[in-house]
Amino acid sequence: MLLDLVDENYDQASMLSNAELEIKSSKVMSLIDTVNTRMGRNTVYFAAQGILRTWQPRAAMKSKNYIGDWNQLMEVK
């Protein structure tokens, strides 16, 4: 279904939102993404994520990523 088809530059803001804060937050997130892309994943992260990461996600039951990975597409013969 095609929902929320709007112009790329259109943004519906909430009456309770703070536009300046959202712009600053967006810039910070973009900077974090840039640093992590260049320097490696999780080079910069939020303190709320914690320093010690003793757990790892289980991937044994992970479903295929048919939509996001061309190499995992099913082939019809």
C-alpha atoms as a PDB file:
ATOM      1  CA  MET A   1       0.000   0.000   0.000  1.00  0.00           C
ATOM      2  CA  LEU A   2       1.201   3.471  -0.747  1.00  0.00           C
ATOM      3  CA  LEU A   3       0.721   5.673   2.281  1.00  0.00           C
ATOM      4  CA  ASP A   4       1.993   9.099   3.260  1.00  0.00           C
ATOM      5  CA  LEU A   5       3.029  10.141  -0.234  1.00  0.00           C
ATOM      6  CA  VAL A   6       4.208  13.697   0.286  1.00  0.00           C
ATOM      7  CA  ASP A   7       6.858  15.994  -1.111  1.00  0.00           C
ATOM      8  CA  GLU A   8      10.355  15.270   0.194  1.00  0.00           C
ATOM      9  CA  ASN A   9      10.631  18.788   1.637  1.00  0.00           C
ATOM     10  CA  TYR A  10       7.270  18.680   3.428  1.00  0.00           C
ATOM     11  CA  ASP A  11       7.331  18.131   7.177  1.00  0.00           C
ATOM     12  CA  GLN A  12       4.247  18.099   9.398  1.00  0.00           C
ATOM     13  CA  ALA A  13       5.427  19.391  12.776  1.00  0.00           C
ATOM     14  CA  SER A  14       3.621  18.860  16.025  1.00  0.00           C
ATOM     15  CA  MET A  15       2.267  21.867  17.896  1.00  0.00           C
ATOM     16  CA  LEU A  16       4.242  20.695  20.913  1.00  0.00           C
ATOM     17  CA  SER A  17       7.533  20.136  19.108  1.00  0.00           C
ATOM     18  CA  ASN A  18      10.544  22.404  19.285  1.00  0.00           C
ATOM     19  CA  ALA A  19      11.822  22.985  15.730  1.00  0.00           C
ATOM     20  CA  GLU A  20      15.241  24.260  16.821  1.00  0.00           C
ATOM     21  CA  LEU A  21      15.798  21.245  19.065  1.00  0.00           C
ATOM     22  CA  GLU A  22      14.763  18.861  16.290  1.00  0.00           C
ATOM     23  CA  ILE A  23      17.204  20.501  13.852  1.00  0.00           C
ATOM     24  CA  LYS A  24      20.055  20.230  16.366  1.00  0.00           C
ATOM     25  CA  SER A  25      19.144  16.634  17.127  1.00  0.00           C
ATOM     26  CA  SER A  26      19.073  15.790  13.426  1.00  0.00           C
ATOM     27  CA  LYS A  27      22.528  17.327  12.944  1.00  0.00           C
ATOM     28  CA  VAL A  28      23.940  15.373  15.900  1.00  0.00           C
ATOM     29  CA  MET A  29      22.456  12.106  14.614  1.00  0.00           C
ATOM     30  CA  SER A  30      23.902  12.795  11.157  1.00  0.00           C
ATOM     31  CA  LEU A  31      27.325  13.474  12.672  1.00  0.00           C
ATOM     32  CA  ILE A  32      27.194  10.264  14.729  1.00  0.00           C
ATOM     33  CA  ASP A  33      26.241   8.283  11.611  1.00  0.00           C
ATOM     34  CA  THR A  34      29.093   9.859   9.641  1.00  0.00           C
ATOM     35  CA  VAL A  35      31.689   9.075  12.316  1.00  0.00           C
ATOM     36  CA  ASN A  36      30.439   5.505  12.707  1.00  0.00           C
ATOM     37  CA  THR A  37      30.505   4.996   8.944  1.00  0.00           C
ATOM     38  CA  ARG A  38      34.073   6.245   8.622  1.00  0.00           C
ATOM     39  CA  MET A  39      35.577   4.882  11.845  1.00  0.00           C
ATOM     40  CA  GLY A  40      33.599   1.683  12.362  1.00  0.00           C
ATOM     41  CA  ARG A  41      30.323   0.664  13.879  1.00  0.00           C
ATOM     42  CA  ASN A  42      29.687   1.814  17.465  1.00  0.00           C
ATOM     43  CA  THR A  43      32.693   4.144  17.548  1.00  0.00           C
ATOM     44  CA  VAL A  44      30.316   6.793  18.876  1.00  0.00           C
ATOM     45  CA  TYR A  45      27.191   5.781  20.761  1.00  0.00           C
ATOM     46  CA  PHE A  46      24.833   7.085  23.407  1.00  0.00           C
ATOM     47  CA  ALA A  47      25.744   6.585  27.057  1.00  0.00           C
ATOM     48  CA  ALA A  48      22.343   4.978  27.625  1.00  0.00           C
ATOM     49  CA  GLN A  49      23.531   2.046  25.502  1.00  0.00           C
ATOM     50  CA  GLY A  50      26.031   1.185  28.214  1.00  0.00           C
ATOM     51  CA  ILE A  51      29.750   0.546  28.086  1.00  0.00           C
ATOM     52  CA  LEU A  52      29.746  -3.178  28.818  1.00  0.00           C
ATOM     53  CA  ARG A  53      27.971  -5.173  26.156  1.00  0.00           C
ATOM     54  CA  THR A  54      27.967  -8.699  27.454  1.00  0.00           C
ATOM     55  CA  TRP A  55      24.949  -9.833  25.435  1.00  0.00           C
ATOM     56  CA  GLN A  56      24.793 -10.560  21.738  1.00  0.00           C
ATOM     57  CA  PRO A  57      21.647 -10.964  19.668  1.00  0.00           C
ATOM     58  CA  ARG A  58      20.834 -14.507  18.596  1.00  0.00           C
ATOM     59  CA  ALA A  59      20.853 -14.971  14.863  1.00  0.00           C
ATOM     60  CA  ALA A  60      20.047 -18.697  14.757  1.00  0.00           C
ATOM     61  CA  MET A  61      16.348 -18.084  14.111  1.00  0.00           C
ATOM     62  CA  LYS A  62      16.819 -14.939  12.038  1.00  0.00           C
ATOM     63  CA  SER A  63      14.654 -14.760   8.933  1.00  0.00           C
ATOM     64  CA  LYS A  64      16.106 -14.075   5.509  1.00  0.00           C
ATOM     65  CA  ASN A  65      16.484 -10.478   4.358  1.00  0.00           C
ATOM     66  CA  TYR A  66      14.843 -10.876   0.946  1.00  0.00           C
ATOM     67  CA  ILE A  67      13.912  -7.211   0.686  1.00  0.00           C
ATOM     68  CA  GLY A  68      17.225  -5.659   1.753  1.00  0.00           C
ATOM     69  CA  ASP A  69      19.828  -8.044   0.337  1.00  0.00           C
ATOM     70  CA  TRP A  70      19.992  -9.003  -3.354  1.00  0.00           C
ATOM     71  CA  ASN A  71      22.080 -12.093  -2.525  1.00  0.00           C
ATOM     72  CA  GLN A  72      19.263 -13.553  -0.420  1.00  0.00           C
ATOM     73  CA  LEU A  73      16.574 -13.341  -3.111  1.00  0.00           C
ATOM     74  CA  MET A  74      14.924 -16.644  -3.961  1.00  0.00           C
ATOM     75  CA  GLU A  75      15.517 -18.016  -7.433  1.00  0.00           C
ATOM     76  CA  VAL A  76      12.795 -19.552  -9.577  1.00  0.00           C
ATOM     77  CA  LYS A  77      14.090 -22.254 -11.898  1.00  0.00           C
END
